[in-house]
Amino acid sequence: FISIMGFYGQREAYRVQQNGEVVQMELVRINGPCRGTKVKNRGFFRYKEKIYSKRISTAFCENHRIGDLINIRYLKDSEKILFPSQNMWIQDWSSIFLLLIGISFIVFSFVKKD
C-alpha cells in the first residue's frame, strides 16, 4: 500500500522532471535552523512573483543564502519543483522494492498456512 501511494505521489514530480525547464529562482526564506541538525528544512523560492516550497538538505541550507539565485526545474501550472540533478527514478526503485517485499510477505504467509 505504501509503495502504491509513493507512485501516486510522485506522478507530478515525473511530469516536472520530463517536461519542466530549468529556471533561476530566488531563495526567499529557509524554514528552520541550518546548523546542528539533520532534519530537512524547507526552502521557499520565488519565480514570477509566485512562491514555491521544497525540502532542502542541511548542506544546501549551509551553502546558500537568502537572495541567492538557484537553478530549479519548473513546470508551468505545477506546484512541484525539483533540483536539476534530482532523479525520480531512484525513488521509484525504492517504491518497487517495498512493493516486492510486501507481495513476498503476503505470498509467504499464504504458503505457510497450507
C-alpha atoms as a PDB file:
ATOM      1  CA  PHE A   1       0.000   0.000   0.000  1.00  0.00           C
ATOM      2  CA  ILE A   2       2.816   2.414   0.914  1.00  0.00           C
ATOM      3  CA  SER A   3       4.632   1.780  -2.356  1.00  0.00           C
ATOM      4  CA  ILE A   4       1.454   2.375  -4.379  1.00  0.00           C
ATOM      5  CA  MET A   5       0.956   5.695  -2.568  1.00  0.00           C
ATOM      6  CA  GLY A   6       4.592   6.516  -3.327  1.00  0.00           C
ATOM      7  CA  PHE A   7       3.973   6.018  -7.050  1.00  0.00           C
ATOM      8  CA  TYR A   8       0.837   8.139  -6.959  1.00  0.00           C
ATOM      9  CA  GLY A   9       2.520  10.932  -5.023  1.00  0.00           C
ATOM     10  CA  GLN A  10       5.435  11.084  -7.451  1.00  0.00           C
ATOM     11  CA  ARG A  11       3.337  11.410 -10.602  1.00  0.00           C
ATOM     12  CA  GLU A  12       3.529  15.217 -10.558  1.00  0.00           C
ATOM     13  CA  ALA A  13       7.271  15.102  -9.928  1.00  0.00           C
ATOM     14  CA  TYR A  14       7.675  12.932 -13.049  1.00  0.00           C
ATOM     15  CA  ARG A  15       5.817  15.469 -15.129  1.00  0.00           C
ATOM     16  CA  VAL A  16       8.172  18.177 -13.887  1.00  0.00           C
ATOM     17  CA  GLN A  17      11.236  16.002 -14.496  1.00  0.00           C
ATOM     18  CA  GLN A  18      10.176  15.049 -18.020  1.00  0.00           C
ATOM     19  CA  ASN A  19       8.616  18.302 -19.243  1.00  0.00           C
ATOM     20  CA  GLY A  20       9.970  21.028 -16.983  1.00  0.00           C
ATOM     21  CA  GLU A  21      12.550  23.641 -17.801  1.00  0.00           C
ATOM     22  CA  VAL A  22      15.452  24.790 -15.647  1.00  0.00           C
ATOM     23  CA  VAL A  23      14.968  28.366 -14.445  1.00  0.00           C
ATOM     24  CA  GLN A  24      16.631  30.528 -11.825  1.00  0.00           C
ATOM     25  CA  MET A  25      14.525  31.006  -8.713  1.00  0.00           C
ATOM     26  CA  GLU A  26      15.322  33.334  -5.844  1.00  0.00           C
ATOM     27  CA  LEU A  27      15.723  31.742  -2.410  1.00  0.00           C
ATOM     28  CA  VAL A  28      13.469  33.918  -0.244  1.00  0.00           C
ATOM     29  CA  ARG A  29      13.225  32.004   3.037  1.00  0.00           C
ATOM     30  CA  ILE A  30      14.512  28.936   4.867  1.00  0.00           C
ATOM     31  CA  ASN A  31      12.296  27.325   7.472  1.00  0.00           C
ATOM     32  CA  GLY A  32      14.239  26.061  10.476  1.00  0.00           C
ATOM     33  CA  PRO A  33      17.881  26.152  11.594  1.00  0.00           C
ATOM     34  CA  CYS A  34      20.668  25.322   9.154  1.00  0.00           C
ATOM     35  CA  ARG A  35      23.335  24.206  11.597  1.00  0.00           C
ATOM     36  CA  GLY A  36      23.429  21.476  14.176  1.00  0.00           C
ATOM     37  CA  THR A  37      20.530  19.436  12.832  1.00  0.00           C
ATOM     38  CA  LYS A  38      19.960  16.545  10.445  1.00  0.00           C
ATOM     39  CA  VAL A  39      16.336  17.471   9.931  1.00  0.00           C
ATOM     40  CA  LYS A  40      15.498  18.519   6.394  1.00  0.00           C
ATOM     41  CA  ASN A  41      14.288  22.086   6.212  1.00  0.00           C
ATOM     42  CA  ARG A  42      12.005  23.775   3.725  1.00  0.00           C
ATOM     43  CA  GLY A  43      13.275  26.325   1.294  1.00  0.00           C
ATOM     44  CA  PHE A  44      10.949  28.861  -0.254  1.00  0.00           C
ATOM     45  CA  PHE A  45      11.728  30.032  -3.766  1.00  0.00           C
ATOM     46  CA  ARG A  46      10.232  32.866  -5.822  1.00  0.00           C
ATOM     47  CA  TYR A  47       9.685  32.763  -9.553  1.00  0.00           C
ATOM     48  CA  LYS A  48       7.470  35.209 -11.448  1.00  0.00           C
ATOM     49  CA  GLU A  49       6.046  36.568  -8.169  1.00  0.00           C
ATOM     50  CA  LYS A  50       4.887  33.101  -7.049  1.00  0.00           C
ATOM     51  CA  ILE A  51       6.362  31.261  -4.049  1.00  0.00           C
ATOM     52  CA  TYR A  52       7.261  27.558  -4.254  1.00  0.00           C
ATOM     53  CA  SER A  53       8.282  25.320  -1.369  1.00  0.00           C
ATOM     54  CA  LYS A  54      10.806  22.470  -1.435  1.00  0.00           C
ATOM     55  CA  ARG A  55      12.557  20.291   1.112  1.00  0.00           C
ATOM     56  CA  ILE A  56      16.249  21.110   1.312  1.00  0.00           C
ATOM     57  CA  SER A  57      19.185  19.401   2.949  1.00  0.00           C
ATOM     58  CA  THR A  58      21.326  20.875   5.693  1.00  0.00           C
ATOM     59  CA  ALA A  59      24.216  21.106   3.219  1.00  0.00           C
ATOM     60  CA  PHE A  60      22.096  23.151   0.807  1.00  0.00           C
ATOM     61  CA  CYS A  61      20.999  25.352   3.685  1.00  0.00           C
ATOM     62  CA  GLU A  62      24.592  25.977   4.792  1.00  0.00           C
ATOM     63  CA  ASN A  63      25.850  26.711   1.258  1.00  0.00           C
ATOM     64  CA  HIS A  64      23.150  29.163   0.163  1.00  0.00           C
ATOM     65  CA  ARG A  65      21.843  32.450   1.496  1.00  0.00           C
ATOM     66  CA  ILE A  66      18.568  34.325   1.220  1.00  0.00           C
ATOM     67  CA  GLY A  67      18.550  36.169  -2.105  1.00  0.00           C
ATOM     68  CA  ASP A  68      20.688  33.606  -3.962  1.00  0.00           C
ATOM     69  CA  LEU A  69      19.516  32.573  -7.421  1.00  0.00           C
ATOM     70  CA  ILE A  70      19.197  28.789  -7.616  1.00  0.00           C
ATOM     71  CA  ASN A  71      18.684  26.616 -10.697  1.00  0.00           C
ATOM     72  CA  ILE A  72      15.372  24.804 -10.276  1.00  0.00           C
ATOM     73  CA  ARG A  73      13.406  22.542 -12.636  1.00  0.00           C
ATOM     74  CA  TYR A  74       9.973  24.105 -13.035  1.00  0.00           C
ATOM     75  CA  LEU A  75       6.814  23.291 -14.972  1.00  0.00           C
ATOM     76  CA  LYS A  76       4.180  25.951 -15.523  1.00  0.00           C
ATOM     77  CA  ASP A  77       0.892  25.146 -13.740  1.00  0.00           C
ATOM     78  CA  SER A  78       2.598  22.784 -11.276  1.00  0.00           C
ATOM     79  CA  GLU A  79       3.281  23.381  -7.590  1.00  0.00           C
ATOM     80  CA  LYS A  80       6.104  20.817  -7.611  1.00  0.00           C
ATOM     81  CA  ILE A  81       9.689  21.945  -8.226  1.00  0.00           C
ATOM     82  CA  LEU A  82      12.847  19.839  -8.453  1.00  0.00           C
ATOM     83  CA  PHE A  83      16.559  20.430  -8.402  1.00  0.00           C
ATOM     84  CA  PRO A  84      18.007  19.832 -11.898  1.00  0.00           C
ATOM     85  CA  SER A  85      20.048  16.855 -10.694  1.00  0.00           C
ATOM     86  CA  GLN A  86      17.138  15.284  -8.808  1.00  0.00           C
ATOM     87  CA  ASN A  87      16.251  11.908 -10.325  1.00  0.00           C
ATOM     88  CA  MET A  88      12.815  10.480  -9.642  1.00  0.00           C
ATOM     89  CA  TRP A  89      13.779   7.015 -10.929  1.00  0.00           C
ATOM     90  CA  ILE A  90      15.791   6.353  -7.770  1.00  0.00           C
ATOM     91  CA  GLN A  91      12.693   6.927  -5.663  1.00  0.00           C
ATOM     92  CA  ASP A  92      10.755   4.623  -7.995  1.00  0.00           C
ATOM     93  CA  TRP A  93      13.145   1.767  -7.400  1.00  0.00           C
ATOM     94  CA  SER A  94      12.707   2.099  -3.654  1.00  0.00           C
ATOM     95  CA  SER A  95       8.906   2.014  -4.080  1.00  0.00           C
ATOM     96  CA  ILE A  96       9.180  -1.065  -6.310  1.00  0.00           C
ATOM     97  CA  PHE A  97      11.429  -2.713  -3.735  1.00  0.00           C
ATOM     98  CA  LEU A  98       8.871  -2.064  -0.965  1.00  0.00           C
ATOM     99  CA  LEU A  99       6.094  -3.398  -3.193  1.00  0.00           C
ATOM    100  CA  LEU A 100       8.024  -6.613  -3.866  1.00  0.00           C
ATOM    101  CA  ILE A 101       8.756  -7.101  -0.181  1.00  0.00           C
ATOM    102  CA  GLY A 102       5.061  -6.608   0.634  1.00  0.00           C
ATOM    103  CA  ILE A 103       3.973  -9.105  -2.028  1.00  0.00           C
ATOM    104  CA  SER A 104       6.550 -11.650  -0.859  1.00  0.00           C
ATOM    105  CA  PHE A 105       5.272 -11.360   2.741  1.00  0.00           C
ATOM    106  CA  ILE A 106       1.701 -11.912   1.563  1.00  0.00           C
ATOM    107  CA  VAL A 107       2.649 -14.907  -0.588  1.00  0.00           C
ATOM    108  CA  PHE A 108       4.829 -16.358   2.176  1.00  0.00           C
ATOM    109  CA  SER A 109       2.003 -16.046   4.723  1.00  0.00           C
ATOM    110  CA  PHE A 110      -0.428 -17.917   2.405  1.00  0.00           C
ATOM    111  CA  VAL A 111       2.112 -20.627   1.626  1.00  0.00           C
ATOM    112  CA  LYS A 112       2.962 -21.065   5.294  1.00  0.00           C
ATOM    113  CA  LYS A 113      -0.750 -21.501   6.239  1.00  0.00           C
ATOM    114  CA  ASP A 114      -1.075 -24.504   3.920  1.00  0.00           C
END
